[in-house]
PDB file of all heavy atoms in Angstrom:
ATOM      1  N   TYR A   1      -9.796 -14.011  21.284  1.00  0.00           N
ATOM      2  CA  TYR A   1     -10.839 -13.999  20.244  1.00  0.00           C
ATOM      3  C   TYR A   1     -10.514 -12.995  19.152  1.00  0.00           C
ATOM      4  O   TYR A   1     -11.441 -12.443  18.499  1.00  0.00           O
ATOM      5  CB  TYR A   1     -12.192 -13.642  20.896  1.00  0.00           C
ATOM      6  CG  TYR A   1     -12.174 -12.399  21.779  1.00  0.00           C
ATOM      7  CD1 TYR A   1     -12.403 -11.143  21.261  1.00  0.00           C
ATOM      8  CD2 TYR A   1     -11.862 -12.511  23.168  1.00  0.00           C
ATOM      9  CE1 TYR A   1     -12.374 -10.007  22.060  1.00  0.00           C
ATOM     10  CE2 TYR A   1     -11.808 -11.366  23.944  1.00  0.00           C
ATOM     11  CZ  TYR A   1     -12.083 -10.141  23.395  1.00  0.00           C
ATOM     12  OH  TYR A   1     -12.027  -8.995  24.188  1.00  0.00           O
ATOM     13  N   ALA A   2      -9.233 -12.761  18.880  1.00  0.00           N
ATOM     14  CA  ALA A   2      -8.842 -11.752  17.886  1.00  0.00           C
ATOM     15  C   ALA A   2      -9.458 -11.968  16.528  1.00  0.00           C
ATOM     16  O   ALA A   2      -9.760 -10.985  15.798  1.00  0.00           O
ATOM     17  CB  ALA A   2      -7.304 -11.750  17.782  1.00  0.00           C
ATOM     18  N   MET A   3      -9.693 -13.229  16.130  1.00  0.00           N
ATOM     19  CA  MET A   3     -10.283 -13.496  14.835  1.00  0.00           C
ATOM     20  C   MET A   3     -11.689 -12.854  14.682  1.00  0.00           C
ATOM     21  O   MET A   3     -12.090 -12.503  13.565  1.00  0.00           O
ATOM     22  CB  MET A   3     -10.409 -14.987  14.608  1.00  0.00           C
ATOM     23  CG  MET A   3      -9.053 -15.688  14.446  1.00  0.00           C
ATOM     24  SD  MET A   3      -8.214 -15.169  12.926  1.00  0.00           S
ATOM     25  CE  MET A   3      -9.310 -15.829  11.693  1.00  0.00           C
ATOM     26  N   ARG A   4     -12.355 -12.668  15.779  1.00  0.00           N
ATOM     27  CA  ARG A   4     -13.710 -12.074  15.712  1.00  0.00           C
ATOM     28  C   ARG A   4     -13.676 -10.612  15.212  1.00  0.00           C
ATOM     29  O   ARG A   4     -14.672 -10.143  14.656  1.00  0.00           O
ATOM     30  CB  ARG A   4     -14.381 -12.135  17.063  1.00  0.00           C
ATOM     31  CG  ARG A   4     -14.880 -13.529  17.468  1.00  0.00           C
ATOM     32  CD  ARG A   4     -15.871 -13.445  18.593  1.00  0.00           C
ATOM     33  NE  ARG A   4     -17.021 -12.622  18.227  1.00  0.00           N
ATOM     34  CZ  ARG A   4     -17.825 -12.073  19.128  1.00  0.00           C
ATOM     35  NH1 ARG A   4     -17.623 -12.207  20.391  1.00  0.00           N
ATOM     36  NH2 ARG A   4     -18.886 -11.340  18.735  1.00  0.00           N
ATOM     37  N   TYR A   5     -12.578  -9.923  15.454  1.00  0.00           N
ATOM     38  CA  TYR A   5     -12.490  -8.543  15.024  1.00  0.00           C
ATOM     39  C   TYR A   5     -12.689  -8.428  13.529  1.00  0.00           C
ATOM     40  O   TYR A   5     -13.425  -7.571  13.059  1.00  0.00           O
ATOM     41  CB  TYR A   5     -11.147  -7.927  15.428  1.00  0.00           C
ATOM     42  CG  TYR A   5     -11.100  -7.316  16.809  1.00  0.00           C
ATOM     43  CD1 TYR A   5     -11.039  -8.130  17.941  1.00  0.00           C
ATOM     44  CD2 TYR A   5     -11.113  -5.941  16.993  1.00  0.00           C
ATOM     45  CE1 TYR A   5     -10.985  -7.583  19.214  1.00  0.00           C
ATOM     46  CE2 TYR A   5     -11.061  -5.374  18.267  1.00  0.00           C
ATOM     47  CZ  TYR A   5     -11.000  -6.208  19.362  1.00  0.00           C
ATOM     48  OH  TYR A   5     -10.961  -5.650  20.621  1.00  0.00           O
ATOM     49  N   GLY A   6     -11.982  -9.288  12.758  1.00  0.00           N
ATOM     50  CA  GLY A   6     -12.132  -9.239  11.313  1.00  0.00           C
ATOM     51  C   GLY A   6     -13.541  -9.586  10.884  1.00  0.00           C
ATOM     52  O   GLY A   6     -14.043  -9.000   9.917  1.00  0.00           O
ATOM     53  N   GLU A   7     -14.176 -10.502  11.596  1.00  0.00           N
ATOM     54  CA  GLU A   7     -15.523 -10.900  11.259  1.00  0.00           C
ATOM     55  C   GLU A   7     -16.512  -9.750  11.527  1.00  0.00           C
ATOM     56  O   GLU A   7     -17.481  -9.589  10.785  1.00  0.00           O
ATOM     57  CB  GLU A   7     -15.937 -12.120  12.090  1.00  0.00           C
ATOM     58  CG  GLU A   7     -15.070 -13.373  11.778  1.00  0.00           C
ATOM     59  CD  GLU A   7     -15.340 -14.479  12.762  1.00  0.00           C
ATOM     60  OE1 GLU A   7     -16.174 -14.265  13.696  1.00  0.00           O
ATOM     61  OE2 GLU A   7     -14.690 -15.538  12.638  1.00  0.00           O
ATOM     62  N   VAL A   8     -16.255  -9.003  12.597  1.00  0.00           N
ATOM     63  CA  VAL A   8     -17.182  -7.918  12.982  1.00  0.00           C
ATOM     64  C   VAL A   8     -16.988  -6.693  12.096  1.00  0.00           C
ATOM     65  O   VAL A   8     -17.973  -6.098  11.600  1.00  0.00           O
ATOM     66  CB  VAL A   8     -16.961  -7.520  14.466  1.00  0.00           C
ATOM     67  CG1 VAL A   8     -17.731  -6.229  14.805  1.00  0.00           C
ATOM     68  CG2 VAL A   8     -17.381  -8.654  15.388  1.00  0.00           C
ATOM     69  N   PHE A   9     -15.715  -6.323  11.830  1.00  0.00           N
ATOM     70  CA  PHE A   9     -15.461  -5.051  11.142  1.00  0.00           C
ATOM     71  C   PHE A   9     -15.233  -5.217   9.632  1.00  0.00           C
ATOM     72  O   PHE A   9     -15.110  -4.199   8.903  1.00  0.00           O
ATOM     73  CB  PHE A   9     -14.245  -4.349  11.767  1.00  0.00           C
ATOM     74  CG  PHE A   9     -14.462  -3.988  13.223  1.00  0.00           C
ATOM     75  CD1 PHE A   9     -13.824  -4.682  14.217  1.00  0.00           C
ATOM     76  CD2 PHE A   9     -15.313  -2.944  13.548  1.00  0.00           C
ATOM     77  CE1 PHE A   9     -14.043  -4.338  15.562  1.00  0.00           C
ATOM     78  CE2 PHE A   9     -15.532  -2.586  14.879  1.00  0.00           C
ATOM     79  CZ  PHE A   9     -14.883  -3.294  15.893  1.00  0.00           C
ATOM     80  N   HIS A  10     -15.123  -6.446   9.158  1.00  0.00           N
ATOM     81  CA  HIS A  10     -14.962  -6.675   7.722  1.00  0.00           C
ATOM     82  C   HIS A  10     -13.750  -5.972   7.102  1.00  0.00           C
ATOM     83  O   HIS A  10     -13.876  -5.372   6.015  1.00  0.00           O
ATOM     84  CB  HIS A  10     -16.267  -6.302   6.974  1.00  0.00           C
ATOM     85  CG  HIS A  10     -17.461  -7.020   7.440  1.00  0.00           C
ATOM     86  ND1 HIS A  10     -17.778  -8.303   7.071  1.00  0.00           N
ATOM     87  CD2 HIS A  10     -18.417  -6.647   8.345  1.00  0.00           C
ATOM     88  CE1 HIS A  10     -18.888  -8.691   7.658  1.00  0.00           C
ATOM     89  NE2 HIS A  10     -19.311  -7.690   8.456  1.00  0.00           N
ATOM     90  N   CYS A  11     -12.641  -5.974   7.811  1.00  0.00           N
ATOM     91  CA  CYS A  11     -11.429  -5.351   7.322  1.00  0.00           C
ATOM     92  C   CYS A  11     -10.223  -5.950   8.053  1.00  0.00           C
ATOM     93  O   CYS A  11     -10.394  -6.565   9.122  1.00  0.00           O
ATOM     94  CB  CYS A  11     -11.471  -3.829   7.477  1.00  0.00           C
ATOM     95  SG  CYS A  11     -11.300  -3.272   9.192  1.00  0.00           S
ATOM     96  N   PRO A  12      -9.010  -5.745   7.548  1.00  0.00           N
ATOM     97  CA  PRO A  12      -7.813  -6.240   8.266  1.00  0.00           C
ATOM     98  C   PRO A  12      -7.673  -5.529   9.610  1.00  0.00           C
ATOM     99  O   PRO A  12      -7.879  -4.296   9.696  1.00  0.00           O
ATOM    100  CB  PRO A  12      -6.658  -5.889   7.307  1.00  0.00           C
ATOM    101  CG  PRO A  12      -7.319  -5.738   5.974  1.00  0.00           C
ATOM    102  CD  PRO A  12      -8.667  -5.186   6.237  1.00  0.00           C
ATOM    103  N   VAL A  13      -7.303  -6.267  10.650  1.00  0.00           N
ATOM    104  CA  VAL A  13      -7.130  -5.689  11.991  1.00  0.00           C
ATOM    105  C   VAL A  13      -5.791  -6.152  12.571  1.00  0.00           C
ATOM    106  O   VAL A  13      -5.468  -7.334  12.516  1.00  0.00           O
ATOM    107  CB  VAL A  13      -8.262  -6.166  12.939  1.00  0.00           C
ATOM    108  CG1 VAL A  13      -8.087  -5.557  14.314  1.00  0.00           C
ATOM    109  CG2 VAL A  13      -9.635  -5.796  12.376  1.00  0.00           C
ATOM    110  N   SER A  14      -4.996  -5.192  13.078  1.00  0.00           N
ATOM    111  CA  SER A  14      -3.724  -5.525  13.715  1.00  0.00           C
ATOM    112  C   SER A  14      -3.742  -5.013  15.147  1.00  0.00           C
ATOM    113  O   SER A  14      -4.451  -4.044  15.496  1.00  0.00           O
ATOM    114  CB  SER A  14      -2.551  -4.890  12.954  1.00  0.00           C
ATOM    115  OG  SER A  14      -2.655  -3.466  12.965  1.00  0.00           O
ATOM    116  N   PHE A  15      -2.992  -5.674  16.023  1.00  0.00           N
ATOM    117  CA  PHE A  15      -2.968  -5.335  17.440  1.00  0.00           C
ATOM    118  C   PHE A  15      -1.563  -4.893  17.884  1.00  0.00           C
ATOM    119  O   PHE A  15      -0.597  -5.051  17.155  1.00  0.00           O
ATOM    120  CB  PHE A  15      -3.390  -6.535  18.266  1.00  0.00           C
ATOM    121  CG  PHE A  15      -4.817  -6.955  18.031  1.00  0.00           C
ATOM    122  CD1 PHE A  15      -5.117  -7.869  17.006  1.00  0.00           C
ATOM    123  CD2 PHE A  15      -5.873  -6.430  18.767  1.00  0.00           C
ATOM    124  CE1 PHE A  15      -6.436  -8.256  16.763  1.00  0.00           C
ATOM    125  CE2 PHE A  15      -7.188  -6.822  18.542  1.00  0.00           C
ATOM    126  CZ  PHE A  15      -7.486  -7.725  17.520  1.00  0.00           C
ATOM    127  N   GLY A  16      -1.504  -4.298  19.085  1.00  0.00           N
ATOM    128  CA  GLY A  16      -0.238  -3.867  19.597  1.00  0.00           C
ATOM    129  C   GLY A  16       0.290  -2.530  19.000  1.00  0.00           C
ATOM    130  O   GLY A  16       1.468  -2.250  19.043  1.00  0.00           O
ATOM    131  N   ALA A  17      -0.631  -1.762  18.426  1.00  0.00           N
ATOM    132  CA  ALA A  17      -0.257  -0.480  17.841  1.00  0.00           C
ATOM    133  C   ALA A  17       0.026   0.557  18.920  1.00  0.00           C
ATOM    134  O   ALA A  17      -0.410   0.394  20.048  1.00  0.00           O
ATOM    135  CB  ALA A  17      -1.374   0.006  16.916  1.00  0.00           C
ATOM    136  N   PRO A  18       0.732   1.617  18.586  1.00  0.00           N
ATOM    137  CA  PRO A  18       0.993   2.693  19.601  1.00  0.00           C
ATOM    138  C   PRO A  18      -0.269   3.335  20.108  1.00  0.00           C
ATOM    139  O   PRO A  18      -0.320   3.846  21.209  1.00  0.00           O
ATOM    140  CB  PRO A  18       1.870   3.685  18.821  1.00  0.00           C
ATOM    141  CG  PRO A  18       2.467   2.913  17.701  1.00  0.00           C
ATOM    142  CD  PRO A  18       1.422   1.890  17.329  1.00  0.00           C
ATOM    143  N   ARG A  19      -1.305   3.351  19.276  1.00  0.00           N
ATOM    144  CA  ARG A  19      -2.582   3.960  19.655  1.00  0.00           C
ATOM    145  C   ARG A  19      -3.687   3.336  18.773  1.00  0.00           C
ATOM    146  O   ARG A  19      -3.416   2.659  17.789  1.00  0.00           O
ATOM    147  CB  ARG A  19      -2.562   5.475  19.434  1.00  0.00           C
ATOM    148  CG  ARG A  19      -2.217   5.913  18.042  1.00  0.00           C
ATOM    149  CD  ARG A  19      -2.073   7.399  17.920  1.00  0.00           C
ATOM    150  NE  ARG A  19      -1.666   7.816  16.583  1.00  0.00           N
ATOM    151  CZ  ARG A  19      -0.419   7.869  16.159  1.00  0.00           C
ATOM    152  NH1 ARG A  19       0.547   7.553  16.997  1.00  0.00           N
ATOM    153  NH2 ARG A  19      -0.128   8.262  14.931  1.00  0.00           N
ATOM    154  N   HIS A  20      -4.936   3.610  19.124  1.00  0.00           N
ATOM    155  CA  HIS A  20      -6.054   3.128  18.336  1.00  0.00           C
ATOM    156  C   HIS A  20      -6.239   4.020  17.116  1.00  0.00           C
ATOM    157  O   HIS A  20      -6.422   5.257  17.276  1.00  0.00           O
ATOM    158  CB  HIS A  20      -7.365   3.148  19.125  1.00  0.00           C
ATOM    159  CG  HIS A  20      -7.302   2.396  20.414  1.00  0.00           C
ATOM    160  ND1 HIS A  20      -6.908   1.093  20.520  1.00  0.00           N
ATOM    161  CD2 HIS A  20      -7.613   2.776  21.695  1.00  0.00           C
ATOM    162  CE1 HIS A  20      -7.000   0.676  21.771  1.00  0.00           C
ATOM    163  NE2 HIS A  20      -7.403   1.677  22.508  1.00  0.00           N
ATOM    164  N   TRP A  21      -6.204   3.476  15.924  1.00  0.00           N
ATOM    165  CA  TRP A  21      -6.474   4.290  14.748  1.00  0.00           C
ATOM    166  C   TRP A  21      -6.982   3.436  13.584  1.00  0.00           C
ATOM    167  O   TRP A  21      -6.635   2.258  13.485  1.00  0.00           O
ATOM    168  CB  TRP A  21      -5.290   5.149  14.309  1.00  0.00           C
ATOM    169  CG  TRP A  21      -4.071   4.423  13.816  1.00  0.00           C
ATOM    170  CD1 TRP A  21      -3.181   3.733  14.563  1.00  0.00           C
ATOM    171  CD2 TRP A  21      -3.659   4.312  12.444  1.00  0.00           C
ATOM    172  NE1 TRP A  21      -2.206   3.190  13.745  1.00  0.00           N
ATOM    173  CE2 TRP A  21      -2.452   3.552  12.462  1.00  0.00           C
ATOM    174  CE3 TRP A  21      -4.137   4.803  11.241  1.00  0.00           C
ATOM    175  CZ2 TRP A  21      -1.749   3.241  11.295  1.00  0.00           C
ATOM    176  CZ3 TRP A  21      -3.426   4.499  10.068  1.00  0.00           C
ATOM    177  CH2 TRP A  21      -2.260   3.736  10.100  1.00  0.00           C
ATOM    178  N   PHE A  22      -7.849   4.022  12.785  1.00  0.00           N
ATOM    179  CA  PHE A  22      -8.483   3.314  11.679  1.00  0.00           C
ATOM    180  C   PHE A  22      -8.405   4.181  10.411  1.00  0.00           C
ATOM    181  O   PHE A  22      -8.419   5.414  10.473  1.00  0.00           O
ATOM    182  CB  PHE A  22      -9.962   3.016  12.003  1.00  0.00           C
ATOM    183  CG  PHE A  22     -10.241   2.781  13.424  1.00  0.00           C
ATOM    184  CD1 PHE A  22     -11.139   3.545  14.132  1.00  0.00           C
ATOM    185  CD2 PHE A  22      -9.543   1.766  14.119  1.00  0.00           C
ATOM    186  CE1 PHE A  22     -11.397   3.330  15.482  1.00  0.00           C
ATOM    187  CE2 PHE A  22      -9.783   1.539  15.477  1.00  0.00           C
ATOM    188  CZ  PHE A  22     -10.708   2.296  16.135  1.00  0.00           C
ATOM    189  N   THR A  23      -8.358   3.524   9.291  1.00  0.00           N
ATOM    190  CA  THR A  23      -8.369   4.270   8.015  1.00  0.00           C
ATOM    191  C   THR A  23      -9.688   4.017   7.290  1.00  0.00           C
ATOM    192  O   THR A  23     -10.364   2.999   7.524  1.00  0.00           O
ATOM    193  CB  THR A  23      -7.208   3.835   7.112  1.00  0.00           C
ATOM    194  OG1 THR A  23      -7.341   2.451   6.789  1.00  0.00           O
ATOM    195  CG2 THR A  23      -5.894   4.069   7.793  1.00  0.00           C
ATOM    196  N   PHE A  24     -10.079   4.963   6.484  1.00  0.00           N
ATOM    197  CA  PHE A  24     -11.320   4.833   5.684  1.00  0.00           C
ATOM    198  C   PHE A  24     -11.195   5.609   4.384  1.00  0.00           C
ATOM    199  O   PHE A  24     -10.269   6.430   4.209  1.00  0.00           O
ATOM    200  CB  PHE A  24     -12.506   5.354   6.505  1.00  0.00           C
ATOM    201  CG  PHE A  24     -12.472   6.838   6.773  1.00  0.00           C
ATOM    202  CD1 PHE A  24     -13.132   7.746   5.936  1.00  0.00           C
ATOM    203  CD2 PHE A  24     -11.752   7.353   7.865  1.00  0.00           C
ATOM    204  CE1 PHE A  24     -13.109   9.095   6.170  1.00  0.00           C
ATOM    205  CE2 PHE A  24     -11.730   8.723   8.095  1.00  0.00           C
ATOM    206  CZ  PHE A  24     -12.400   9.587   7.247  1.00  0.00           C
ATOM    207  N   ASP A  25     -12.088   5.365   3.469  1.00  0.00           N
ATOM    208  CA  ASP A  25     -12.136   6.061   2.193  1.00  0.00           C
ATOM    209  C   ASP A  25     -12.874   7.373   2.403  1.00  0.00           C
ATOM    210  O   ASP A  25     -14.049   7.407   2.690  1.00  0.00           O
ATOM    211  CB  ASP A  25     -12.855   5.205   1.162  1.00  0.00           C
ATOM    212  CG  ASP A  25     -12.921   5.863  -0.223  1.00  0.00           C
ATOM    213  OD1 ASP A  25     -12.544   7.048  -0.330  1.00  0.00           O
ATOM    214  OD2 ASP A  25     -13.361   5.176  -1.152  1.00  0.00           O
ATOM    215  N   PRO A  26     -12.156   8.520   2.281  1.00  0.00           N
ATOM    216  CA  PRO A  26     -12.832   9.836   2.536  1.00  0.00           C
ATOM    217  C   PRO A  26     -13.999  10.134   1.613  1.00  0.00           C
ATOM    218  O   PRO A  26     -14.810  10.994   1.936  1.00  0.00           O
ATOM    219  CB  PRO A  26     -11.695  10.826   2.359  1.00  0.00           C
ATOM    220  CG  PRO A  26     -10.671  10.143   1.553  1.00  0.00           C
ATOM    221  CD  PRO A  26     -10.759   8.691   1.921  1.00  0.00           C
ATOM    222  N   SER A  27     -14.095   9.449   0.480  1.00  0.00           N
ATOM    223  CA  SER A  27     -15.214   9.701  -0.410  1.00  0.00           C
ATOM    224  C   SER A  27     -16.535   9.291   0.253  1.00  0.00           C
ATOM    225  O   SER A  27     -17.619   9.770  -0.166  1.00  0.00           O
ATOM    226  CB  SER A  27     -15.060   8.908  -1.731  1.00  0.00           C
ATOM    227  OG  SER A  27     -15.104   7.524  -1.530  1.00  0.00           O
ATOM    228  N   LEU A  28     -16.468   8.439   1.291  1.00  0.00           N
ATOM    229  CA  LEU A  28     -17.666   8.060   2.026  1.00  0.00           C
ATOM    230  C   LEU A  28     -18.371   9.229   2.664  1.00  0.00           C
ATOM    231  O   LEU A  28     -19.578   9.259   2.840  1.00  0.00           O
ATOM    232  CB  LEU A  28     -17.322   7.007   3.089  1.00  0.00           C
ATOM    233  CG  LEU A  28     -16.883   5.633   2.609  1.00  0.00           C
ATOM    234  CD1 LEU A  28     -16.505   4.769   3.821  1.00  0.00           C
ATOM    235  CD2 LEU A  28     -18.002   4.963   1.844  1.00  0.00           C
ATOM    236  N   LEU A  29     -17.577  10.247   3.023  1.00  0.00           N
ATOM    237  CA  LEU A  29     -18.135  11.435   3.727  1.00  0.00           C
ATOM    238  C   LEU A  29     -19.120  12.194   2.832  1.00  0.00           C
ATOM    239  O   LEU A  29     -20.012  12.859   3.311  1.00  0.00           O
ATOM    240  CB  LEU A  29     -17.018  12.347   4.192  1.00  0.00           C
ATOM    241  CG  LEU A  29     -16.051  11.780   5.245  1.00  0.00           C
ATOM    242  CD1 LEU A  29     -14.946  12.794   5.516  1.00  0.00           C
ATOM    243  CD2 LEU A  29     -16.807  11.466   6.521  1.00  0.00           C
ATOM    244  N   ASP A  30     -18.923  12.121   1.518  1.00  0.00           N
ATOM    245  CA  ASP A  30     -19.783  12.851   0.572  1.00  0.00           C
ATOM    246  C   ASP A  30     -20.956  12.018   0.075  1.00  0.00           C
ATOM    247  O   ASP A  30     -21.767  12.486  -0.730  1.00  0.00           O
ATOM    248  CB  ASP A  30     -18.973  13.330  -0.630  1.00  0.00           C
ATOM    249  CG  ASP A  30     -17.855  14.300  -0.210  1.00  0.00           C
ATOM    250  OD1 ASP A  30     -18.130  15.148   0.680  1.00  0.00           O
ATOM    251  OD2 ASP A  30     -16.744  14.179  -0.739  1.00  0.00           O
ATOM    252  N   LYS A  31     -21.057  10.800   0.591  1.00  0.00           N
ATOM    253  CA  LYS A  31     -22.125   9.882   0.095  1.00  0.00           C
ATOM    254  C   LYS A  31     -23.496  10.372   0.522  1.00  0.00           C
ATOM    255  O   LYS A  31     -23.738  10.727   1.671  1.00  0.00           O
ATOM    256  CB  LYS A  31     -21.902   8.489   0.654  1.00  0.00           C
ATOM    257  CG  LYS A  31     -22.908   7.472   0.186  1.00  0.00           C
ATOM    258  CD  LYS A  31     -22.556   6.059   0.697  1.00  0.00           C
ATOM    259  CE  LYS A  31     -23.582   5.058   0.220  1.00  0.00           C
ATOM    260  NZ  LYS A  31     -23.243   3.677   0.675  1.00  0.00           N
TER     261      LYS A  31
END
């Protein structure tokens, strides 16, 4: 059900990475 990840998180998702990690826009922290 890998396609559901993109639908849930609204961003590109890749699998088989060395570890779990996500990127974000740091300007969101000051919102």
